[in-house]
Amino acid sequence: MADSIIEEDMTIEGNVVSKKGSVEVKGIVVGDVTAEALVVQQSGSIDGALSAKTISIEGKHKGSLKCEDLTFAASSHVQADVTAQTMTTESGAKVVGKVNITGGA
């Protein structure tokens, strides 16, 4: 599995796709992100649709989100329609939007 990192000094305008790898966002993405696993670091921001098997958000996200396993850190700021099988939210996380947790397989 390949790992891709979007560093803090980087801004991507357009969609990001990693079919069999993980994407770590420390910078800014304006567009949709699709990956096997996705981590939005505290310095990271994504404005678009997210789709991955596992998603962990410490930074900012605005858009929609679909995954199996979702984690919101205390530092996360999310405005999204969320669909996930399981969700873990740390105290202090800010989540605004429609949340649909479907449960395990």
PDB file of N, CA and C in Angstrom:
ATOM      1  N   MET A   1       0.845  -1.179   0.000  1.00  0.00           N
ATOM      2  CA  MET A   1       0.000   0.000   0.000  1.00  0.00           C
ATOM      3  C   MET A   1       0.890   1.242   0.000  1.00  0.00           C
ATOM      4  N   ALA A   2       0.678   2.137  -0.933  1.00  0.00           N
ATOM      5  CA  ALA A   2       1.467   3.364  -1.048  1.00  0.00           C
ATOM      6  C   ALA A   2       0.881   4.454  -0.168  1.00  0.00           C
ATOM      7  N   ASP A   3       1.768   5.250   0.427  1.00  0.00           N
ATOM      8  CA  ASP A   3       1.342   6.369   1.257  1.00  0.00           C
ATOM      9  C   ASP A   3       1.660   7.669   0.533  1.00  0.00           C
ATOM     10  N   SER A   4       0.687   8.575   0.479  1.00  0.00           N
ATOM     11  CA  SER A   4       0.876   9.883  -0.139  1.00  0.00           C
ATOM     12  C   SER A   4       0.639  10.949   0.917  1.00  0.00           C
ATOM     13  N   ILE A   5       1.512  11.972   0.934  1.00  0.00           N
ATOM     14  CA  ILE A   5       1.393  13.041   1.919  1.00  0.00           C
ATOM     15  C   ILE A   5       1.289  14.382   1.200  1.00  0.00           C
ATOM     16  N   ILE A   6       0.271  15.145   1.557  1.00  0.00           N
ATOM     17  CA  ILE A   6       0.112  16.506   1.060  1.00  0.00           C
ATOM     18  C   ILE A   6       0.581  17.410   2.192  1.00  0.00           C
ATOM     19  N   GLU A   7       1.764  17.989   2.029  1.00  0.00           N
ATOM     20  CA  GLU A   7       2.422  18.739   3.096  1.00  0.00           C
ATOM     21  C   GLU A   7       1.745  20.082   3.370  1.00  0.00           C
ATOM     22  N   GLU A   8       2.102  20.703   4.513  1.00  0.00           N
ATOM     23  CA  GLU A   8       1.481  21.939   4.980  1.00  0.00           C
ATOM     24  C   GLU A   8       1.592  23.093   3.994  1.00  0.00           C
ATOM     25  N   ASP A   9       2.678  23.150   3.216  1.00  0.00           N
ATOM     26  CA  ASP A   9       2.872  24.259   2.287  1.00  0.00           C
ATOM     27  C   ASP A   9       2.217  24.013   0.926  1.00  0.00           C
ATOM     28  N   MET A  10       1.416  22.961   0.827  1.00  0.00           N
ATOM     29  CA  MET A  10       0.843  22.566  -0.452  1.00  0.00           C
ATOM     30  C   MET A  10      -0.667  22.784  -0.489  1.00  0.00           C
ATOM     31  N   THR A  11      -1.162  23.342  -1.612  1.00  0.00           N
ATOM     32  CA  THR A  11      -2.593  23.480  -1.865  1.00  0.00           C
ATOM     33  C   THR A  11      -2.895  22.776  -3.178  1.00  0.00           C
ATOM     34  N   ILE A  12      -3.865  21.868  -3.147  1.00  0.00           N
ATOM     35  CA  ILE A  12      -4.290  21.162  -4.359  1.00  0.00           C
ATOM     36  C   ILE A  12      -5.715  21.563  -4.668  1.00  0.00           C
ATOM     37  N   GLU A  13      -5.926  22.054  -5.892  1.00  0.00           N
ATOM     38  CA  GLU A  13      -7.267  22.358  -6.374  1.00  0.00           C
ATOM     39  C   GLU A  13      -7.599  21.319  -7.428  1.00  0.00           C
ATOM     40  N   GLY A  14      -8.418  20.357  -7.048  1.00  0.00           N
ATOM     41  CA  GLY A  14      -8.759  19.244  -7.924  1.00  0.00           C
ATOM     42  C   GLY A  14      -8.910  17.987  -7.092  1.00  0.00           C
ATOM     43  N   ASN A  15      -9.351  16.930  -7.725  1.00  0.00           N
ATOM     44  CA  ASN A  15      -9.608  15.683  -7.016  1.00  0.00           C
ATOM     45  C   ASN A  15      -8.319  14.889  -6.791  1.00  0.00           C
ATOM     46  N   VAL A  16      -8.266  14.174  -5.661  1.00  0.00           N
ATOM     47  CA  VAL A  16      -7.126  13.330  -5.313  1.00  0.00           C
ATOM     48  C   VAL A  16      -7.632  11.899  -5.206  1.00  0.00           C
ATOM     49  N   VAL A  17      -6.982  10.971  -5.927  1.00  0.00           N
ATOM     50  CA  VAL A  17      -7.393   9.566  -5.902  1.00  0.00           C
ATOM     51  C   VAL A  17      -6.173   8.688  -5.656  1.00  0.00           C
ATOM     52  N   SER A  18      -6.272   7.818  -4.644  1.00  0.00           N
ATOM     53  CA  SER A  18      -5.261   6.807  -4.366  1.00  0.00           C
ATOM     54  C   SER A  18      -6.023   5.507  -4.198  1.00  0.00           C
ATOM     55  N   LYS A  19      -6.087   4.699  -5.254  1.00  0.00           N
ATOM     56  CA  LYS A  19      -6.961   3.523  -5.268  1.00  0.00           C
ATOM     57  C   LYS A  19      -6.613   2.470  -4.227  1.00  0.00           C
ATOM     58  N   LYS A  20      -5.304   2.249  -3.965  1.00  0.00           N
ATOM     59  CA  LYS A  20      -4.916   1.198  -3.023  1.00  0.00           C
ATOM     60  C   LYS A  20      -4.015   1.726  -1.922  1.00  0.00           C
ATOM     61  N   GLY A  21      -3.937   3.032  -1.761  1.00  0.00           N
ATOM     62  CA  GLY A  21      -3.026   3.600  -0.775  1.00  0.00           C
ATOM     63  C   GLY A  21      -3.727   4.508   0.202  1.00  0.00           C
ATOM     64  N   SER A  22      -2.895   5.101   1.063  1.00  0.00           N
ATOM     65  CA  SER A  22      -3.430   6.040   2.032  1.00  0.00           C
ATOM     66  C   SER A  22      -2.992   7.449   1.669  1.00  0.00           C
ATOM     67  N   VAL A  23      -3.791   8.416   2.083  1.00  0.00           N
ATOM     68  CA  VAL A  23      -3.493   9.829   1.846  1.00  0.00           C
ATOM     69  C   VAL A  23      -3.506  10.530   3.192  1.00  0.00           C
ATOM     70  N   GLU A  24      -2.443  11.286   3.453  1.00  0.00           N
ATOM     71  CA  GLU A  24      -2.343  12.091   4.663  1.00  0.00           C
ATOM     72  C   GLU A  24      -2.318  13.553   4.224  1.00  0.00           C
ATOM     73  N   VAL A  25      -3.261  14.347   4.749  1.00  0.00           N
ATOM     74  CA  VAL A  25      -3.372  15.741   4.343  1.00  0.00           C
ATOM     75  C   VAL A  25      -2.938  16.645   5.497  1.00  0.00           C
ATOM     76  N   LYS A  26      -1.848  17.369   5.264  1.00  0.00           N
ATOM     77  CA  LYS A  26      -1.380  18.367   6.216  1.00  0.00           C
ATOM     78  C   LYS A  26      -1.625  19.763   5.659  1.00  0.00           C
ATOM     79  N   GLY A  27      -1.831  19.859   4.352  1.00  0.00           N
ATOM     80  CA  GLY A  27      -2.068  21.119   3.664  1.00  0.00           C
ATOM     81  C   GLY A  27      -3.537  21.307   3.348  1.00  0.00           C
ATOM     82  N   ILE A  28      -3.821  21.874   2.167  1.00  0.00           N
ATOM     83  CA  ILE A  28      -5.193  22.199   1.777  1.00  0.00           C
ATOM     84  C   ILE A  28      -5.556  21.470   0.486  1.00  0.00           C
ATOM     85  N   VAL A  29      -6.742  20.859   0.476  1.00  0.00           N
ATOM     86  CA  VAL A  29      -7.286  20.255  -0.736  1.00  0.00           C
ATOM     87  C   VAL A  29      -8.656  20.859  -0.983  1.00  0.00           C
ATOM     88  N   VAL A  30      -8.847  21.415  -2.186  1.00  0.00           N
ATOM     89  CA  VAL A  30     -10.151  21.893  -2.617  1.00  0.00           C
ATOM     90  C   VAL A  30     -10.577  20.946  -3.736  1.00  0.00           C
ATOM     91  N   GLY A  31     -11.337  19.936  -3.368  1.00  0.00           N
ATOM     92  CA  GLY A  31     -11.742  18.892  -4.302  1.00  0.00           C
ATOM     93  C   GLY A  31     -12.032  17.616  -3.533  1.00  0.00           C
ATOM     94  N   ASP A  32     -12.460  16.597  -4.236  1.00  0.00           N
ATOM     95  CA  ASP A  32     -12.815  15.322  -3.619  1.00  0.00           C
ATOM     96  C   ASP A  32     -11.563  14.479  -3.378  1.00  0.00           C
ATOM     97  N   VAL A  33     -11.586  13.669  -2.307  1.00  0.00           N
ATOM     98  CA  VAL A  33     -10.471  12.781  -1.998  1.00  0.00           C
ATOM     99  C   VAL A  33     -11.002  11.364  -1.839  1.00  0.00           C
ATOM    100  N   THR A  34     -10.421  10.423  -2.605  1.00  0.00           N
ATOM    101  CA  THR A  34     -10.781   9.017  -2.535  1.00  0.00           C
ATOM    102  C   THR A  34      -9.512   8.225  -2.281  1.00  0.00           C
ATOM    103  N   ALA A  35      -9.548   7.364  -1.263  1.00  0.00           N
ATOM    104  CA  ALA A  35      -8.366   6.570  -0.918  1.00  0.00           C
ATOM    105  C   ALA A  35      -8.790   5.352  -0.115  1.00  0.00           C
ATOM    106  N   GLU A  36      -7.850   4.443   0.112  1.00  0.00           N
ATOM    107  CA  GLU A  36      -8.103   3.296   0.986  1.00  0.00           C
ATOM    108  C   GLU A  36      -8.212   3.793   2.432  1.00  0.00           C
ATOM    109  N   ALA A  37      -7.291   4.687   2.825  1.00  0.00           N
ATOM    110  CA  ALA A  37      -7.298   5.291   4.158  1.00  0.00           C
ATOM    111  C   ALA A  37      -6.969   6.771   4.011  1.00  0.00           C
ATOM    112  N   LEU A  38      -7.587   7.597   4.840  1.00  0.00           N
ATOM    113  CA  LEU A  38      -7.389   9.038   4.762  1.00  0.00           C
ATOM    114  C   LEU A  38      -7.217   9.614   6.156  1.00  0.00           C
ATOM    115  N   VAL A  39      -6.183  10.448   6.329  1.00  0.00           N
ATOM    116  CA  VAL A  39      -5.953  11.147   7.581  1.00  0.00           C
ATOM    117  C   VAL A  39      -5.839  12.625   7.264  1.00  0.00           C
ATOM    118  N   VAL A  40      -6.668  13.439   7.934  1.00  0.00           N
ATOM    119  CA  VAL A  40      -6.569  14.890   7.819  1.00  0.00           C
ATOM    120  C   VAL A  40      -5.921  15.370   9.115  1.00  0.00           C
ATOM    121  N   GLN A  41      -4.655  15.773   9.025  1.00  0.00           N
ATOM    122  CA  GLN A  41      -3.925  16.219  10.205  1.00  0.00           C
ATOM    123  C   GLN A  41      -4.495  17.540  10.721  1.00  0.00           C
ATOM    124  N   GLN A  42      -4.081  17.955  11.911  1.00  0.00           N
ATOM    125  CA  GLN A  42      -4.602  19.166  12.538  1.00  0.00           C
ATOM    126  C   GLN A  42      -4.394  20.403  11.666  1.00  0.00           C
ATOM    127  N   SER A  43      -3.302  20.448  10.914  1.00  0.00           N
ATOM    128  CA  SER A  43      -3.026  21.576  10.026  1.00  0.00           C
ATOM    129  C   SER A  43      -3.743  21.443   8.684  1.00  0.00           C
ATOM    130  N   GLY A  44      -4.392  20.296   8.425  1.00  0.00           N
ATOM    131  CA  GLY A  44      -5.005  20.012   7.132  1.00  0.00           C
ATOM    132  C   GLY A  44      -6.431  20.503   7.008  1.00  0.00           C
ATOM    133  N   SER A  45      -6.826  20.736   5.745  1.00  0.00           N
ATOM    134  CA  SER A  45      -8.178  21.199   5.445  1.00  0.00           C
ATOM    135  C   SER A  45      -8.608  20.634   4.099  1.00  0.00           C
ATOM    136  N   ILE A  46      -9.823  20.087   4.048  1.00  0.00           N
ATOM    137  CA  ILE A  46     -10.367  19.572   2.797  1.00  0.00           C
ATOM    138  C   ILE A  46     -11.764  20.156   2.603  1.00  0.00           C
ATOM    139  N   ASP A  47     -12.004  20.678   1.405  1.00  0.00           N
ATOM    140  CA  ASP A  47     -13.315  21.182   1.018  1.00  0.00           C
ATOM    141  C   ASP A  47     -13.767  20.323  -0.158  1.00  0.00           C
ATOM    142  N   GLY A  48     -14.557  19.277   0.130  1.00  0.00           N
ATOM    143  CA  GLY A  48     -14.996  18.361  -0.913  1.00  0.00           C
ATOM    144  C   GLY A  48     -15.511  17.073  -0.315  1.00  0.00           C
ATOM    145  N   ALA A  49     -15.825  16.117  -1.176  1.00  0.00           N
ATOM    146  CA  ALA A  49     -16.350  14.818  -0.744  1.00  0.00           C
ATOM    147  C   ALA A  49     -15.195  13.886  -0.399  1.00  0.00           C
ATOM    148  N   LEU A  50     -15.329  13.164   0.719  1.00  0.00           N
ATOM    149  CA  LEU A  50     -14.324  12.201   1.141  1.00  0.00           C
ATOM    150  C   LEU A  50     -14.903  10.796   1.051  1.00  0.00           C
ATOM    151  N   SER A  51     -14.099   9.873   0.537  1.00  0.00           N
ATOM    152  CA  SER A  51     -14.518   8.481   0.455  1.00  0.00           C
ATOM    153  C   SER A  51     -13.295   7.601   0.710  1.00  0.00           C
ATOM    154  N   ALA A  52     -13.384   6.756   1.738  1.00  0.00           N
ATOM    155  CA  ALA A  52     -12.281   5.850   2.074  1.00  0.00           C
ATOM    156  C   ALA A  52     -12.808   4.752   2.980  1.00  0.00           C
ATOM    157  N   LYS A  53     -12.013   3.708   3.158  1.00  0.00           N
ATOM    158  CA  LYS A  53     -12.388   2.646   4.088  1.00  0.00           C
ATOM    159  C   LYS A  53     -12.305   3.178   5.519  1.00  0.00           C
ATOM    160  N   THR A  54     -11.184   3.853   5.840  1.00  0.00           N
ATOM    161  CA  THR A  54     -11.035   4.469   7.158  1.00  0.00           C
ATOM    162  C   THR A  54     -10.679   5.944   6.985  1.00  0.00           C
ATOM    163  N   ILE A  55     -11.297   6.779   7.803  1.00  0.00           N
ATOM    164  CA  ILE A  55     -11.030   8.216   7.776  1.00  0.00           C
ATOM    165  C   ILE A  55     -10.814   8.686   9.210  1.00  0.00           C
ATOM    166  N   SER A  56      -9.750   9.468   9.391  1.00  0.00           N
ATOM    167  CA  SER A  56      -9.458  10.088  10.674  1.00  0.00           C
ATOM    168  C   SER A  56      -9.272  11.581  10.434  1.00  0.00           C
ATOM    169  N   ILE A  57     -10.034  12.394  11.169  1.00  0.00           N
ATOM    170  CA  ILE A  57      -9.960  13.848  10.969  1.00  0.00           C
ATOM    171  C   ILE A  57      -9.528  14.527  12.258  1.00  0.00           C
ATOM    172  N   GLU A  58      -8.427  15.264  12.161  1.00  0.00           N
ATOM    173  CA  GLU A  58      -7.936  16.099  13.254  1.00  0.00           C
ATOM    174  C   GLU A  58      -8.078  17.573  12.889  1.00  0.00           C
ATOM    175  N   GLY A  59      -8.160  17.864  11.597  1.00  0.00           N
ATOM    176  CA  GLY A  59      -8.221  19.231  11.089  1.00  0.00           C
ATOM    177  C   GLY A  59      -9.622  19.623  10.676  1.00  0.00           C
ATOM    178  N   LYS A  60      -9.735  20.257   9.480  1.00  0.00           N
ATOM    179  CA  LYS A  60     -11.014  20.789   9.008  1.00  0.00           C
ATOM    180  C   LYS A  60     -11.497  20.067   7.764  1.00  0.00           C
ATOM    181  N   HIS A  61     -12.802  19.878   7.697  1.00  0.00           N
ATOM    182  CA  HIS A  61     -13.424  19.292   6.504  1.00  0.00           C
ATOM    183  C   HIS A  61     -14.793  19.908   6.293  1.00  0.00           C
ATOM    184  N   LYS A  62     -15.080  20.231   5.035  1.00  0.00           N
ATOM    185  CA  LYS A  62     -16.399  20.737   4.651  1.00  0.00           C
ATOM    186  C   LYS A  62     -16.819  19.995   3.394  1.00  0.00           C
ATOM    187  N   GLY A  63     -17.993  19.368   3.423  1.00  0.00           N
ATOM    188  CA  GLY A  63     -18.470  18.619   2.260  1.00  0.00           C
ATOM    189  C   GLY A  63     -19.264  17.407   2.689  1.00  0.00           C
ATOM    190  N   SER A  64     -18.947  16.250   2.108  1.00  0.00           N
ATOM    191  CA  SER A  64     -19.600  15.001   2.495  1.00  0.00           C
ATOM    192  C   SER A  64     -18.516  13.974   2.799  1.00  0.00           C
ATOM    193  N   LEU A  65     -18.921  12.923   3.512  1.00  0.00           N
ATOM    194  CA  LEU A  65     -17.945  11.954   3.996  1.00  0.00           C
ATOM    195  C   LEU A  65     -18.593  10.579   4.012  1.00  0.00           C
ATOM    196  N   LYS A  66     -17.920   9.587   3.415  1.00  0.00           N
ATOM    197  CA  LYS A  66     -18.445   8.224   3.408  1.00  0.00           C
ATOM    198  C   LYS A  66     -17.301   7.255   3.669  1.00  0.00           C
ATOM    199  N   CYS A  67     -17.480   6.395   4.701  1.00  0.00           N
ATOM    200  CA  CYS A  67     -16.433   5.433   5.040  1.00  0.00           C
ATOM    201  C   CYS A  67     -17.011   4.306   5.895  1.00  0.00           C
ATOM    202  N   GLU A  68     -16.150   3.340   6.218  1.00  0.00           N
ATOM    203  CA  GLU A  68     -16.539   2.273   7.135  1.00  0.00           C
ATOM    204  C   GLU A  68     -16.226   2.671   8.574  1.00  0.00           C
ATOM    205  N   ASP A  69     -14.996   3.134   8.814  1.00  0.00           N
ATOM    206  CA  ASP A  69     -14.525   3.442  10.163  1.00  0.00           C
ATOM    207  C   ASP A  69     -14.095   4.908  10.222  1.00  0.00           C
ATOM    208  N   LEU A  70     -14.728   5.686  11.089  1.00  0.00           N
ATOM    209  CA  LEU A  70     -14.513   7.128  11.148  1.00  0.00           C
ATOM    210  C   LEU A  70     -14.086   7.553  12.543  1.00  0.00           C
ATOM    211  N   THR A  71     -13.074   8.439  12.610  1.00  0.00           N
ATOM    212  CA  THR A  71     -12.621   8.977  13.885  1.00  0.00           C
ATOM    213  C   THR A  71     -12.509  10.494  13.787  1.00  0.00           C
ATOM    214  N   PHE A  72     -13.148  11.189  14.737  1.00  0.00           N
ATOM    215  CA  PHE A  72     -13.019  12.642  14.852  1.00  0.00           C
ATOM    216  C   PHE A  72     -12.184  12.928  16.097  1.00  0.00           C
ATOM    217  N   ALA A  73     -11.055  13.604  15.937  1.00  0.00           N
ATOM    218  CA  ALA A  73     -10.226  14.006  17.066  1.00  0.00           C
ATOM    219  C   ALA A  73     -10.836  15.242  17.721  1.00  0.00           C
ATOM    220  N   ALA A  74     -10.383  15.553  18.932  1.00  0.00           N
ATOM    221  CA  ALA A  74     -10.896  16.713  19.665  1.00  0.00           C
ATOM    222  C   ALA A  74     -10.682  18.005  18.896  1.00  0.00           C
ATOM    223  N   SER A  75      -9.652  18.066  18.054  1.00  0.00           N
ATOM    224  CA  SER A  75      -9.320  19.285  17.305  1.00  0.00           C
ATOM    225  C   SER A  75     -10.076  19.413  15.980  1.00  0.00           C
ATOM    226  N   SER A  76     -10.909  18.449  15.627  1.00  0.00           N
ATOM    227  CA  SER A  76     -11.577  18.469  14.320  1.00  0.00           C
ATOM    228  C   SER A  76     -12.729  19.477  14.269  1.00  0.00           C
ATOM    229  N   HIS A  77     -12.866  20.097  13.081  1.00  0.00           N
ATOM    230  CA  HIS A  77     -13.970  21.013  12.767  1.00  0.00           C
ATOM    231  C   HIS A  77     -14.576  20.510  11.462  1.00  0.00           C
ATOM    232  N   VAL A  78     -15.778  19.936  11.531  1.00  0.00           N
ATOM    233  CA  VAL A  78     -16.372  19.287  10.364  1.00  0.00           C
ATOM    234  C   VAL A  78     -17.757  19.834  10.094  1.00  0.00           C
ATOM    235  N   GLN A  79     -18.005  20.201   8.823  1.00  0.00           N
ATOM    236  CA  GLN A  79     -19.327  20.569   8.330  1.00  0.00           C
ATOM    237  C   GLN A  79     -19.599  19.618   7.181  1.00  0.00           C
ATOM    238  N   ALA A  80     -20.325  18.531   7.449  1.00  0.00           N
ATOM    239  CA  ALA A  80     -20.480  17.506   6.420  1.00  0.00           C
ATOM    240  C   ALA A  80     -21.687  16.628   6.671  1.00  0.00           C
ATOM    241  N   ASP A  81     -22.164  16.016   5.600  1.00  0.00           N
ATOM    242  CA  ASP A  81     -23.110  14.923   5.714  1.00  0.00           C
ATOM    243  C   ASP A  81     -22.268  13.663   5.818  1.00  0.00           C
ATOM    244  N   VAL A  82     -22.438  12.929   6.925  1.00  0.00           N
ATOM    245  CA  VAL A  82     -21.569  11.813   7.264  1.00  0.00           C
ATOM    246  C   VAL A  82     -22.321  10.490   7.134  1.00  0.00           C
ATOM    247  N   THR A  83     -21.706   9.518   6.456  1.00  0.00           N
ATOM    248  CA  THR A  83     -22.208   8.152   6.413  1.00  0.00           C
ATOM    249  C   THR A  83     -21.046   7.231   6.755  1.00  0.00           C
ATOM    250  N   ALA A  84     -21.202   6.451   7.824  1.00  0.00           N
ATOM    251  CA  ALA A  84     -20.138   5.540   8.263  1.00  0.00           C
ATOM    252  C   ALA A  84     -20.752   4.337   8.954  1.00  0.00           C
ATOM    253  N   GLN A  85     -19.997   3.233   8.996  1.00  0.00           N
ATOM    254  CA  GLN A  85     -20.466   2.070   9.748  1.00  0.00           C
ATOM    255  C   GLN A  85     -20.225   2.288  11.236  1.00  0.00           C
ATOM    256  N   THR A  86     -19.026   2.775  11.585  1.00  0.00           N
ATOM    257  CA  THR A  86     -18.703   3.049  12.985  1.00  0.00           C
ATOM    258  C   THR A  86     -18.068   4.433  13.090  1.00  0.00           C
ATOM    259  N   MET A  87     -18.284   5.092  14.243  1.00  0.00           N
ATOM    260  CA  MET A  87     -17.731   6.426  14.440  1.00  0.00           C
ATOM    261  C   MET A  87     -17.247   6.578  15.875  1.00  0.00           C
ATOM    262  N   THR A  88     -16.058   7.154  16.017  1.00  0.00           N
ATOM    263  CA  THR A  88     -15.503   7.495  17.314  1.00  0.00           C
ATOM    264  C   THR A  88     -15.278   8.995  17.326  1.00  0.00           C
ATOM    265  N   THR A  89     -15.773   9.659  18.368  1.00  0.00           N
ATOM    266  CA  THR A  89     -15.638  11.109  18.460  1.00  0.00           C
ATOM    267  C   THR A  89     -15.043  11.474  19.811  1.00  0.00           C
ATOM    268  N   GLU A  90     -13.903  12.180  19.783  1.00  0.00           N
ATOM    269  CA  GLU A  90     -13.298  12.650  21.016  1.00  0.00           C
ATOM    270  C   GLU A  90     -14.038  13.883  21.521  1.00  0.00           C
ATOM    271  N   SER A  91     -14.034  14.071  22.828  1.00  0.00           N
ATOM    272  CA  SER A  91     -14.649  15.244  23.437  1.00  0.00           C
ATOM    273  C   SER A  91     -13.989  16.504  22.891  1.00  0.00           C
ATOM    274  N   GLY A  92     -14.796  17.452  22.449  1.00  0.00           N
ATOM    275  CA  GLY A  92     -14.279  18.700  21.895  1.00  0.00           C
ATOM    276  C   GLY A  92     -14.391  18.790  20.386  1.00  0.00           C
ATOM    277  N   ALA A  93     -14.630  17.671  19.709  1.00  0.00           N
ATOM    278  CA  ALA A  93     -14.786  17.694  18.254  1.00  0.00           C
ATOM    279  C   ALA A  93     -16.029  18.491  17.882  1.00  0.00           C
ATOM    280  N   LYS A  94     -15.920  19.267  16.806  1.00  0.00           N
ATOM    281  CA  LYS A  94     -17.053  20.058  16.332  1.00  0.00           C
ATOM    282  C   LYS A  94     -17.549  19.449  15.028  1.00  0.00           C
ATOM    283  N   VAL A  95     -18.794  18.935  15.044  1.00  0.00           N
ATOM    284  CA  VAL A  95     -19.374  18.285  13.881  1.00  0.00           C
ATOM    285  C   VAL A  95     -20.756  18.876  13.640  1.00  0.00           C
ATOM    286  N   VAL A  96     -20.946  19.423  12.428  1.00  0.00           N
ATOM    287  CA  VAL A  96     -22.228  19.993  12.033  1.00  0.00           C
ATOM    288  C   VAL A  96     -22.664  19.309  10.745  1.00  0.00           C
ATOM    289  N   GLY A  97     -23.888  18.790  10.731  1.00  0.00           N
ATOM    290  CA  GLY A  97     -24.389  18.142   9.517  1.00  0.00           C
ATOM    291  C   GLY A  97     -25.209  16.918   9.866  1.00  0.00           C
ATOM    292  N   LYS A  98     -25.625  16.216   8.837  1.00  0.00           N
ATOM    293  CA  LYS A  98     -26.417  15.003   8.991  1.00  0.00           C
ATOM    294  C   LYS A  98     -25.465  13.827   9.201  1.00  0.00           C
ATOM    295  N   VAL A  99     -25.680  13.050  10.270  1.00  0.00           N
ATOM    296  CA  VAL A  99     -24.812  11.923  10.584  1.00  0.00           C
ATOM    297  C   VAL A  99     -25.630  10.639  10.525  1.00  0.00           C
ATOM    298  N   ASN A 100     -25.156   9.673   9.704  1.00  0.00           N
ATOM    299  CA  ASN A 100     -25.833   8.391   9.545  1.00  0.00           C
ATOM    300  C   ASN A 100     -24.826   7.288   9.858  1.00  0.00           C
ATOM    301  N   ILE A 101     -24.984   6.637  11.030  1.00  0.00           N
ATOM    302  CA  ILE A 101     -24.096   5.546  11.420  1.00  0.00           C
ATOM    303  C   ILE A 101     -24.870   4.249  11.238  1.00  0.00           C
ATOM    304  N   THR A 102     -24.375   3.391  10.347  1.00  0.00           N
ATOM    305  CA  THR A 102     -25.120   2.203   9.956  1.00  0.00           C
ATOM    306  C   THR A 102     -24.839   0.979  10.815  1.00  0.00           C
ATOM    307  N   GLY A 103     -23.782   1.011  11.634  1.00  0.00           N
ATOM    308  CA  GLY A 103     -23.420  -0.149  12.437  1.00  0.00           C
ATOM    309  C   GLY A 103     -22.506  -1.068  11.685  1.00  0.00           C
ATOM    310  N   GLY A 104     -22.017  -2.105  12.334  1.00  0.00           N
ATOM    311  CA  GLY A 104     -21.079  -3.059  11.719  1.00  0.00           C
ATOM    312  C   GLY A 104     -21.698  -3.811  10.562  1.00  0.00           C
ATOM    313  N   ALA A 105     -20.874  -4.619   9.907  1.00  0.00           N
ATOM    314  CA  ALA A 105     -21.280  -5.381   8.731  1.00  0.00           C
ATOM    315  C   ALA A 105     -22.538  -6.126   9.004  1.00  0.00           C
TER     316      ALA A 105
END
